[in-house]
Amino acid sequence: MPAYRKASIRELIRSAYELDGRFIEGRLHREAEGGRWLVGDIPLDEWLSQNEGQNITLLLLSLDDERPMEERVCMTCGRKYIGVECPHCREVRTRLRGPR
């Protein structure tokens, strides 16, 4: 997987963490006995049951996906970039306003 795709996924995870969100990461597989879905060693049914009755957004992003990310054009500065946001505008915003 290209490094910039992984970096964009990690940035989404960081944003979720900053919003007091929960996330798990690991290899998705089925348990041999019982057929339960696991991410790493964590059973998904138990993890999801902790949020029962709540409105949630569940993001499922594969770190093994080999598709290239599309190049975008920034609507602010017009530069081309790959990722979640324009790195030039992010740098300028951070310099002027400080980190988020």
Protein backbone atom coordinates (compact mmCIF):
# COMPACT_ATOMS: atom_id res chain seq x y z
CA MET A 1 0.00 0.00 0.00
CA PRO A 2 1.33 3.46 -0.82
CA ALA A 3 2.57 5.33 2.23
CA TYR A 4 0.34 8.37 1.60
CA ARG A 5 -2.78 6.20 1.73
CA LYS A 6 -1.73 4.75 5.09
CA ALA A 7 -0.89 8.25 6.32
CA SER A 8 -4.36 9.50 5.36
CA ILE A 9 -6.00 6.59 7.19
CA ARG A 10 -3.85 7.25 10.27
CA GLU A 11 -4.90 10.91 10.10
CA LEU A 12 -8.58 9.86 10.19
CA ILE A 13 -7.83 7.65 13.20
CA ARG A 14 -6.10 10.56 14.94
CA SER A 15 -9.10 12.79 14.24
CA ALA A 16 -11.44 10.17 15.70
CA TYR A 17 -9.24 9.95 18.79
CA GLU A 18 -9.31 13.75 19.21
CA LEU A 19 -13.14 13.59 19.11
CA ASP A 20 -13.10 10.99 21.90
CA GLY A 21 -14.01 8.32 19.37
CA ARG A 22 -13.05 4.69 19.73
CA PHE A 23 -11.24 2.63 17.18
CA ILE A 24 -9.66 -0.77 16.86
CA GLU A 25 -7.02 -1.85 14.42
CA GLY A 26 -5.82 -5.28 13.44
CA ARG A 27 -6.35 -8.14 11.03
CA LEU A 28 -10.05 -8.91 10.41
CA HIS A 29 -10.73 -12.64 10.59
CA ARG A 30 -13.25 -15.24 11.72
CA GLU A 31 -12.68 -17.36 14.78
CA ALA A 32 -12.21 -21.04 13.86
CA GLU A 33 -14.63 -22.19 16.54
CA GLY A 34 -17.94 -20.36 16.59
CA GLY A 35 -17.22 -18.20 13.55
CA ARG A 36 -17.21 -14.88 15.45
CA TRP A 37 -15.65 -11.91 13.69
CA LEU A 38 -12.46 -10.60 15.33
CA VAL A 39 -10.17 -7.65 14.69
CA GLY A 40 -6.86 -8.82 16.03
CA ASP A 41 -7.90 -10.51 19.29
CA ILE A 42 -10.93 -8.28 19.91
CA PRO A 43 -14.39 -9.78 19.24
CA LEU A 44 -16.43 -7.32 17.18
CA ASP A 45 -19.74 -8.23 18.78
CA GLU A 46 -18.45 -7.30 22.25
CA TRP A 47 -16.83 -4.10 20.97
CA LEU A 48 -19.99 -3.02 19.14
CA SER A 49 -22.29 -3.96 22.03
CA GLN A 50 -20.62 -1.26 24.15
CA ASN A 51 -22.29 1.31 21.86
CA GLU A 52 -25.70 -0.35 21.62
CA GLY A 53 -28.55 2.13 21.33
CA GLN A 54 -26.27 5.02 20.29
CA ASN A 55 -26.03 6.71 16.92
CA ILE A 56 -22.60 5.78 15.57
CA THR A 57 -20.55 6.02 12.40
CA LEU A 58 -18.48 2.98 11.64
CA LEU A 59 -15.52 3.39 9.29
CA LEU A 60 -13.98 0.27 7.86
CA LEU A 61 -10.77 1.09 5.98
CA SER A 62 -8.39 -1.52 4.68
CA LEU A 63 -4.71 -0.84 5.20
CA ASP A 64 -4.00 -3.51 2.56
CA ASP A 65 -5.87 -1.73 -0.25
CA GLU A 66 -3.49 -1.11 -3.15
CA ARG A 67 -5.65 1.38 -5.06
CA PRO A 68 -3.84 4.69 -5.58
CA MET A 69 -5.39 7.81 -4.09
CA GLU A 70 -6.69 10.36 -6.54
CA GLU A 71 -4.83 13.60 -6.99
CA ARG A 72 -6.97 16.58 -6.01
CA VAL A 73 -6.83 20.29 -6.69
CA CYS A 74 -7.10 22.57 -3.66
CA MET A 75 -10.09 24.91 -3.93
CA THR A 76 -8.21 27.54 -1.91
CA CYS A 77 -4.72 27.75 -3.42
CA GLY A 78 -5.11 25.73 -6.63
CA ARG A 79 -2.21 23.37 -5.89
CA LYS A 80 -2.46 19.66 -6.63
CA TYR A 81 -2.16 17.30 -3.65
CA ILE A 82 -2.80 13.74 -2.56
CA GLY A 83 -4.39 13.07 0.82
CA VAL A 84 -7.13 14.38 3.07
CA GLU A 85 -6.26 18.06 2.85
CA CYS A 86 -3.88 20.37 1.03
CA PRO A 87 -0.53 20.23 2.86
CA HIS A 88 0.36 23.79 1.80
CA CYS A 89 -2.88 25.27 3.17
CA ARG A 90 -2.58 23.14 6.34
CA GLU A 91 0.93 24.50 6.92
CA VAL A 92 -0.21 28.10 6.40
CA ARG A 93 -3.24 27.58 8.66
CA THR A 94 -1.05 26.06 11.39
CA ARG A 95 1.46 28.86 11.13
CA LEU A 96 -1.23 31.57 11.34
CA ARG A 97 -3.65 29.98 13.84
CA GLY A 98 -1.59 27.37 15.61
CA PRO A 99 -2.25 23.62 15.68
CA ARG A 100 -5.91 22.50 15.74
